[in-house]
Amino acid sequence: MDYSPKSYIGLRRGRRVWAPLWFRRDGATVYLPDPDGSRAEEPSVAMESFRERLHDEGLDAAWQRTYNAGSNPISMRLQRSDLDKPVVQELLRASFEILEPGMAPWSERRSSPQHPQAGAAQVTEAATGSDSRTDPGE
């Protein structure tokens, strides 16, 4: 397989590419929309919060607002094992949810930096007592 950065795979949400994936030998570089919907020069409140939490997990995220005309300013390199980390799942979910028309910024929807407000999937899990992330064979 050729891992040279000549092309990407675009994960779509509707007609929009939500997360372009540029494959690398050890994983992929992904460019995500900001969970606050920002395209500003400086990183958003959401980006700063996620960057700190990702750093605690040994991951780096960069603010690169020039990619895709600012639509996908969060850049990070991920390996498959990183997808199991709760902070990565929360960032992916938040960057997906912000594309919903009328969605409030992530930093306005959370209750505090230490205790983010549950996303829709977590609320459903709490109400039903099920966890879709759990392997039924466990």
N, C-alpha and C. Protein backbone atom coordinates (compact mmCIF):
# COMPACT_ATOMS: atom_id res chain seq x y z
N MET A 1 0.85 -1.18 0.00
CA MET A 1 0.00 0.00 0.00
C MET A 1 0.89 1.24 0.00
N ASP A 2 0.51 2.23 -0.76
CA ASP A 2 1.25 3.48 -0.85
C ASP A 2 0.66 4.48 0.15
N TYR A 3 1.46 4.91 1.13
CA TYR A 3 0.97 5.83 2.15
C TYR A 3 1.37 7.28 1.86
N SER A 4 1.82 7.57 0.66
CA SER A 4 2.20 8.94 0.35
C SER A 4 0.94 9.82 0.36
N PRO A 5 1.08 11.03 0.82
CA PRO A 5 -0.10 11.90 1.00
C PRO A 5 -0.62 12.48 -0.32
N LYS A 6 -1.13 11.61 -1.19
CA LYS A 6 -1.66 12.06 -2.47
C LYS A 6 -3.18 12.17 -2.46
N SER A 7 -3.81 11.44 -1.57
CA SER A 7 -5.26 11.43 -1.54
C SER A 7 -5.75 11.10 -0.13
N TYR A 8 -6.99 11.39 0.11
CA TYR A 8 -7.59 11.12 1.41
C TYR A 8 -8.90 10.39 1.22
N ILE A 9 -9.41 9.87 2.32
CA ILE A 9 -10.75 9.30 2.35
C ILE A 9 -11.59 10.28 3.15
N GLY A 10 -12.69 10.68 2.59
CA GLY A 10 -13.56 11.63 3.27
C GLY A 10 -14.75 10.94 3.92
N LEU A 11 -14.85 11.04 5.24
CA LEU A 11 -16.03 10.55 5.94
C LEU A 11 -17.07 11.66 5.91
N ARG A 12 -18.22 11.36 5.41
CA ARG A 12 -19.23 12.40 5.17
C ARG A 12 -20.34 12.41 6.20
N ARG A 13 -20.89 13.58 6.36
CA ARG A 13 -22.15 13.77 7.08
C ARG A 13 -23.04 14.53 6.12
N GLY A 14 -23.98 13.84 5.52
CA GLY A 14 -24.77 14.45 4.46
C GLY A 14 -23.89 14.71 3.26
N ARG A 15 -23.93 15.93 2.75
CA ARG A 15 -23.13 16.29 1.58
C ARG A 15 -21.76 16.81 1.96
N ARG A 16 -21.53 17.00 3.23
CA ARG A 16 -20.28 17.60 3.70
C ARG A 16 -19.29 16.53 4.16
N VAL A 17 -18.01 16.75 3.85
CA VAL A 17 -16.97 15.88 4.39
C VAL A 17 -16.75 16.29 5.83
N TRP A 18 -17.08 15.40 6.74
CA TRP A 18 -16.91 15.67 8.16
C TRP A 18 -15.47 15.50 8.58
N ALA A 19 -14.83 14.39 8.18
CA ALA A 19 -13.49 14.09 8.66
C ALA A 19 -12.62 13.50 7.54
N PRO A 20 -11.84 14.34 6.88
CA PRO A 20 -10.89 13.79 5.90
C PRO A 20 -9.79 13.01 6.62
N LEU A 21 -9.54 11.80 6.16
CA LEU A 21 -8.50 10.94 6.73
C LEU A 21 -7.35 10.81 5.72
N TRP A 22 -6.17 11.20 6.15
CA TRP A 22 -4.97 11.03 5.35
C TRP A 22 -4.18 9.89 5.99
N PHE A 23 -4.18 8.74 5.34
CA PHE A 23 -3.54 7.56 5.92
C PHE A 23 -2.03 7.72 5.99
N ARG A 24 -1.48 7.21 7.07
CA ARG A 24 -0.04 7.16 7.32
C ARG A 24 0.30 5.72 7.68
N ARG A 25 1.55 5.40 7.67
CA ARG A 25 1.98 4.04 7.95
C ARG A 25 1.50 3.56 9.32
N ASP A 26 1.45 4.45 10.31
CA ASP A 26 1.08 4.06 11.67
C ASP A 26 -0.33 4.49 12.06
N GLY A 27 -1.15 4.91 11.12
CA GLY A 27 -2.50 5.35 11.44
C GLY A 27 -3.02 6.32 10.40
N ALA A 28 -3.54 7.45 10.86
CA ALA A 28 -4.07 8.45 9.95
C ALA A 28 -4.02 9.82 10.61
N THR A 29 -3.92 10.84 9.77
CA THR A 29 -4.10 12.22 10.22
C THR A 29 -5.53 12.58 9.87
N VAL A 30 -6.25 13.13 10.83
CA VAL A 30 -7.65 13.49 10.63
C VAL A 30 -7.81 14.98 10.88
N TYR A 31 -8.67 15.61 10.11
CA TYR A 31 -8.98 17.03 10.26
C TYR A 31 -10.46 17.13 10.61
N LEU A 32 -10.75 17.69 11.78
CA LEU A 32 -12.11 17.72 12.30
C LEU A 32 -12.65 19.14 12.40
N PRO A 33 -13.98 19.30 12.28
CA PRO A 33 -14.59 20.59 12.57
C PRO A 33 -14.42 20.90 14.06
N ASP A 34 -14.35 22.15 14.39
CA ASP A 34 -14.25 22.55 15.79
C ASP A 34 -15.58 22.29 16.49
N PRO A 35 -15.57 21.67 17.67
CA PRO A 35 -16.82 21.40 18.40
C PRO A 35 -17.61 22.66 18.76
N ASP A 36 -16.95 23.81 18.76
CA ASP A 36 -17.66 25.07 18.99
C ASP A 36 -18.07 25.74 17.67
N GLY A 37 -17.69 25.14 16.55
CA GLY A 37 -18.04 25.71 15.25
C GLY A 37 -17.16 26.87 14.85
N SER A 38 -16.05 27.08 15.52
CA SER A 38 -15.19 28.23 15.27
C SER A 38 -14.30 28.02 14.04
N ARG A 39 -14.04 29.12 13.36
CA ARG A 39 -13.07 29.17 12.27
C ARG A 39 -12.11 30.33 12.51
N ALA A 40 -12.06 30.79 13.75
CA ALA A 40 -11.28 31.97 14.11
C ALA A 40 -9.77 31.70 14.04
N GLU A 41 -9.02 32.78 14.13
CA GLU A 41 -7.56 32.71 14.11
C GLU A 41 -7.03 31.91 15.30
N GLU A 42 -7.61 32.14 16.46
CA GLU A 42 -7.16 31.47 17.69
C GLU A 42 -8.06 30.27 18.00
N PRO A 43 -7.52 29.25 18.65
CA PRO A 43 -8.32 28.08 19.02
C PRO A 43 -9.51 28.44 19.91
N SER A 44 -10.57 27.69 19.75
CA SER A 44 -11.79 27.91 20.54
C SER A 44 -11.63 27.38 21.96
N VAL A 45 -12.61 27.68 22.79
CA VAL A 45 -12.66 27.15 24.16
C VAL A 45 -12.69 25.62 24.11
N ALA A 46 -13.48 25.07 23.20
CA ALA A 46 -13.57 23.61 23.07
C ALA A 46 -12.22 23.02 22.69
N MET A 47 -11.56 23.63 21.73
CA MET A 47 -10.26 23.12 21.29
C MET A 47 -9.25 23.12 22.44
N GLU A 48 -9.21 24.19 23.19
CA GLU A 48 -8.27 24.27 24.32
C GLU A 48 -8.57 23.19 25.36
N SER A 49 -9.84 22.96 25.63
CA SER A 49 -10.22 21.94 26.60
C SER A 49 -9.83 20.55 26.10
N PHE A 50 -10.16 20.26 24.85
CA PHE A 50 -9.81 18.95 24.30
C PHE A 50 -8.30 18.78 24.17
N ARG A 51 -7.61 19.84 23.78
CA ARG A 51 -6.16 19.73 23.62
C ARG A 51 -5.49 19.32 24.93
N GLU A 52 -5.92 19.92 26.03
CA GLU A 52 -5.36 19.58 27.34
C GLU A 52 -5.65 18.13 27.71
N ARG A 53 -6.88 17.71 27.50
CA ARG A 53 -7.27 16.34 27.83
C ARG A 53 -6.60 15.31 26.92
N LEU A 54 -6.44 15.65 25.64
CA LEU A 54 -5.74 14.76 24.72
C LEU A 54 -4.28 14.63 25.10
N HIS A 55 -3.68 15.76 25.51
CA HIS A 55 -2.28 15.75 25.94
C HIS A 55 -2.09 14.80 27.12
N ASP A 56 -3.05 14.79 28.04
CA ASP A 56 -3.00 13.89 29.19
C ASP A 56 -3.01 12.42 28.76
N GLU A 57 -3.54 12.15 27.56
CA GLU A 57 -3.59 10.78 27.02
C GLU A 57 -2.43 10.50 26.06
N GLY A 58 -1.50 11.47 25.97
CA GLY A 58 -0.34 11.27 25.09
C GLY A 58 -0.60 11.62 23.64
N LEU A 59 -1.66 12.38 23.37
CA LEU A 59 -2.01 12.76 22.00
C LEU A 59 -1.88 14.26 21.82
N ASP A 60 -1.60 14.66 20.60
CA ASP A 60 -1.49 16.09 20.28
C ASP A 60 -2.55 16.46 19.26
N ALA A 61 -3.12 17.63 19.44
CA ALA A 61 -4.06 18.20 18.48
C ALA A 61 -3.58 19.60 18.15
N ALA A 62 -3.67 19.96 16.88
CA ALA A 62 -3.21 21.28 16.44
C ALA A 62 -4.38 22.06 15.83
N TRP A 63 -4.30 23.38 15.96
CA TRP A 63 -5.29 24.27 15.37
C TRP A 63 -4.71 24.73 14.04
N GLN A 64 -5.33 24.29 12.96
CA GLN A 64 -4.83 24.59 11.61
C GLN A 64 -5.99 25.12 10.79
N ARG A 65 -6.32 26.36 11.01
CA ARG A 65 -7.54 26.91 10.42
C ARG A 65 -7.49 27.11 8.91
N THR A 66 -6.34 26.90 8.30
CA THR A 66 -6.25 27.05 6.85
C THR A 66 -6.70 25.81 6.09
N TYR A 67 -6.83 24.66 6.75
CA TYR A 67 -7.24 23.44 6.07
C TYR A 67 -8.72 23.53 5.71
N ASN A 68 -9.06 23.26 4.47
CA ASN A 68 -10.44 23.24 3.98
C ASN A 68 -11.17 24.55 4.30
N ALA A 69 -10.50 25.65 4.05
CA ALA A 69 -11.07 26.99 4.26
C ALA A 69 -11.57 27.19 5.69
N GLY A 70 -10.93 26.53 6.65
CA GLY A 70 -11.28 26.70 8.05
C GLY A 70 -12.39 25.78 8.53
N SER A 71 -12.94 24.96 7.65
CA SER A 71 -14.04 24.07 8.05
C SER A 71 -13.60 22.94 8.96
N ASN A 72 -12.33 22.56 8.88
CA ASN A 72 -11.80 21.44 9.67
C ASN A 72 -10.49 21.88 10.32
N PRO A 73 -10.56 22.75 11.32
CA PRO A 73 -9.33 23.32 11.87
C PRO A 73 -8.57 22.43 12.86
N ILE A 74 -9.16 21.37 13.36
CA ILE A 74 -8.48 20.51 14.34
C ILE A 74 -7.78 19.37 13.60
N SER A 75 -6.48 19.34 13.75
CA SER A 75 -5.66 18.33 13.10
C SER A 75 -5.04 17.44 14.17
N MET A 76 -5.12 16.12 13.96
CA MET A 76 -4.48 15.21 14.89
C MET A 76 -4.16 13.89 14.22
N ARG A 77 -3.12 13.29 14.71
CA ARG A 77 -2.67 11.99 14.23
C ARG A 77 -3.20 10.92 15.17
N LEU A 78 -3.86 9.93 14.61
CA LEU A 78 -4.45 8.87 15.43
C LEU A 78 -4.00 7.49 14.96
N GLN A 79 -3.81 6.63 15.92
CA GLN A 79 -3.62 5.21 15.64
C GLN A 79 -4.92 4.51 16.01
N ARG A 80 -5.11 3.32 15.52
CA ARG A 80 -6.35 2.60 15.79
C ARG A 80 -6.63 2.49 17.29
N SER A 81 -5.60 2.23 18.08
CA SER A 81 -5.79 2.07 19.53
C SER A 81 -6.28 3.36 20.19
N ASP A 82 -6.01 4.52 19.58
CA ASP A 82 -6.46 5.80 20.14
C ASP A 82 -7.98 5.93 20.10
N LEU A 83 -8.62 5.22 19.19
CA LEU A 83 -10.07 5.31 19.06
C LEU A 83 -10.82 4.76 20.28
N ASP A 84 -10.14 3.99 21.11
CA ASP A 84 -10.75 3.46 22.33
C ASP A 84 -10.73 4.44 23.49
N LYS A 85 -9.99 5.52 23.35
CA LYS A 85 -9.85 6.49 24.44
C LYS A 85 -11.11 7.36 24.52
N PRO A 86 -11.70 7.48 25.70
CA PRO A 86 -12.93 8.27 25.86
C PRO A 86 -12.82 9.71 25.35
N VAL A 87 -11.70 10.37 25.56
CA VAL A 87 -11.57 11.76 25.11
C VAL A 87 -11.58 11.83 23.59
N VAL A 88 -11.02 10.85 22.91
CA VAL A 88 -11.04 10.82 21.44
C VAL A 88 -12.47 10.59 20.97
N GLN A 89 -13.18 9.67 21.60
CA GLN A 89 -14.57 9.43 21.24
C GLN A 89 -15.43 10.67 21.46
N GLU A 90 -15.18 11.37 22.56
CA GLU A 90 -15.95 12.59 22.85
C GLU A 90 -15.66 13.67 21.82
N LEU A 91 -14.39 13.84 21.44
CA LEU A 91 -14.04 14.84 20.43
C LEU A 91 -14.68 14.49 19.09
N LEU A 92 -14.59 13.24 18.68
CA LEU A 92 -15.21 12.84 17.42
C LEU A 92 -16.72 13.09 17.45
N ARG A 93 -17.36 12.73 18.54
CA ARG A 93 -18.81 12.94 18.68
C ARG A 93 -19.14 14.44 18.64
N ALA A 94 -18.39 15.24 19.38
CA ALA A 94 -18.66 16.68 19.45
C ALA A 94 -18.44 17.36 18.09
N SER A 95 -17.41 16.93 17.37
CA SER A 95 -17.14 17.55 16.07
C SER A 95 -18.18 17.11 15.03
N PHE A 96 -18.78 15.96 15.23
CA PHE A 96 -19.86 15.48 14.36
C PHE A 96 -21.16 16.22 14.68
N GLU A 97 -21.46 16.34 15.98
CA GLU A 97 -22.71 16.97 16.41
C GLU A 97 -22.81 18.44 16.02
N ILE A 98 -21.68 19.15 15.98
CA ILE A 98 -21.72 20.59 15.68
C ILE A 98 -22.21 20.85 14.26
N LEU A 99 -22.17 19.85 13.40
CA LEU A 99 -22.64 20.02 12.02
C LEU A 99 -24.16 19.98 11.91
N GLU A 100 -24.83 19.59 12.99
CA GLU A 100 -26.29 19.57 13.01
C GLU A 100 -26.80 21.02 12.99
N PRO A 101 -27.69 21.36 12.05
CA PRO A 101 -28.20 22.74 12.00
C PRO A 101 -28.78 23.17 13.35
N GLY A 102 -28.38 24.34 13.80
CA GLY A 102 -28.88 24.91 15.05
C GLY A 102 -28.21 24.38 16.30
N MET A 103 -27.22 23.50 16.17
CA MET A 103 -26.53 22.93 17.34
C MET A 103 -25.73 24.02 18.05
N ALA A 104 -25.88 24.08 19.35
CA ALA A 104 -25.12 25.05 20.15
C ALA A 104 -23.67 24.59 20.24
N PRO A 105 -22.73 25.53 20.41
CA PRO A 105 -21.33 25.14 20.58
C PRO A 105 -21.14 24.20 21.77
N TRP A 106 -20.18 23.30 21.64
CA TRP A 106 -19.88 22.32 22.69
C TRP A 106 -19.62 23.01 24.02
N SER A 107 -18.86 24.09 24.02
CA SER A 107 -18.50 24.76 25.28
C SER A 107 -19.73 25.36 25.97
N GLU A 108 -20.79 25.62 25.23
CA GLU A 108 -22.03 26.11 25.84
C GLU A 108 -22.91 24.96 26.33
N ARG A 109 -22.74 23.77 25.75
CA ARG A 109 -23.57 22.62 26.12
C ARG A 109 -23.02 21.85 27.31
N ARG A 110 -21.78 22.02 27.64
CA ARG A 110 -21.19 21.25 28.74
C ARG A 110 -21.45 21.95 30.07
N SER A 111 -21.45 21.17 31.13
CA SER A 111 -21.76 21.74 32.44
C SER A 111 -20.53 22.33 33.12
N SER A 112 -19.35 21.69 32.93
CA SER A 112 -18.11 22.22 33.49
C SER A 112 -16.95 21.53 32.79
N PRO A 113 -15.73 22.10 32.87
CA PRO A 113 -14.59 21.47 32.21
C PRO A 113 -14.31 20.06 32.75
N GLN A 114 -14.58 19.82 34.02
CA GLN A 114 -14.29 18.50 34.59
C GLN A 114 -15.42 17.50 34.34
N HIS A 115 -16.63 18.00 34.11
CA HIS A 115 -17.78 17.11 33.96
C HIS A 115 -18.59 17.53 32.74
N PRO A 116 -18.14 17.14 31.53
CA PRO A 116 -18.89 17.52 30.33
C PRO A 116 -20.31 16.95 30.37
N GLN A 117 -21.21 17.71 29.83
CA GLN A 117 -22.59 17.27 29.77
C GLN A 117 -22.66 16.06 28.85
N ALA A 118 -23.48 15.11 29.19
CA ALA A 118 -23.59 13.89 28.38
C ALA A 118 -24.14 14.20 27.01
N GLY A 119 -23.60 13.54 26.00
CA GLY A 119 -24.10 13.64 24.64
C GLY A 119 -25.38 12.84 24.53
N ALA A 120 -26.03 12.92 23.39
CA ALA A 120 -27.31 12.23 23.19
C ALA A 120 -27.17 10.73 23.39
N ALA A 121 -26.10 10.13 22.91
CA ALA A 121 -25.91 8.68 23.05
C ALA A 121 -25.77 8.31 24.51
N GLN A 122 -25.06 9.12 25.29
CA GLN A 122 -24.86 8.81 26.70
C GLN A 122 -26.17 8.96 27.46
N VAL A 123 -26.99 9.94 27.10
CA VAL A 123 -28.27 10.14 27.76
C VAL A 123 -29.15 8.93 27.50
N THR A 124 -29.18 8.43 26.26
CA THR A 124 -29.97 7.25 25.92
C THR A 124 -29.48 6.05 26.70
N GLU A 125 -28.17 5.87 26.79
CA GLU A 125 -27.60 4.75 27.53
C GLU A 125 -28.00 4.81 29.00
N ALA A 126 -27.96 6.00 29.57
CA ALA A 126 -28.31 6.15 30.98
C ALA A 126 -29.79 5.83 31.20
N ALA A 127 -30.64 6.25 30.27
CA ALA A 127 -32.07 6.02 30.41
C ALA A 127 -32.43 4.55 30.25
N THR A 128 -31.72 3.85 29.35
CA THR A 128 -32.06 2.45 29.10
C THR A 128 -31.23 1.47 29.91
N GLY A 129 -30.15 2.00 30.51
CA GLY A 129 -29.27 1.13 31.27
C GLY A 129 -28.34 0.31 30.40
N SER A 130 -28.27 0.65 29.11
CA SER A 130 -27.39 -0.10 28.21
C SER A 130 -26.22 0.77 27.79
N ASP A 131 -25.18 0.12 27.34
CA ASP A 131 -23.99 0.82 26.85
C ASP A 131 -23.62 0.19 25.52
N SER A 132 -23.87 0.91 24.42
CA SER A 132 -23.62 0.36 23.09
C SER A 132 -22.15 0.13 22.82
N ARG A 133 -21.26 0.70 23.63
CA ARG A 133 -19.83 0.52 23.41
C ARG A 133 -19.32 -0.77 24.03
N THR A 134 -20.13 -1.41 24.85
CA THR A 134 -19.69 -2.63 25.54
C THR A 134 -19.87 -3.82 24.60
N ASP A 135 -18.87 -4.64 24.52
CA ASP A 135 -18.94 -5.87 23.74
C ASP A 135 -19.89 -6.83 24.44
N PRO A 136 -20.94 -7.32 23.73
CA PRO A 136 -21.90 -8.20 24.39
C PRO A 136 -21.25 -9.49 24.90
N GLY A 137 -20.10 -9.86 24.38
CA GLY A 137 -19.43 -11.06 24.82
C GLY A 137 -18.65 -10.90 26.11
N GLU A 138 -18.61 -9.68 26.65
CA GLU A 138 -17.85 -9.45 27.90
C GLU A 138 -18.63 -9.87 29.11
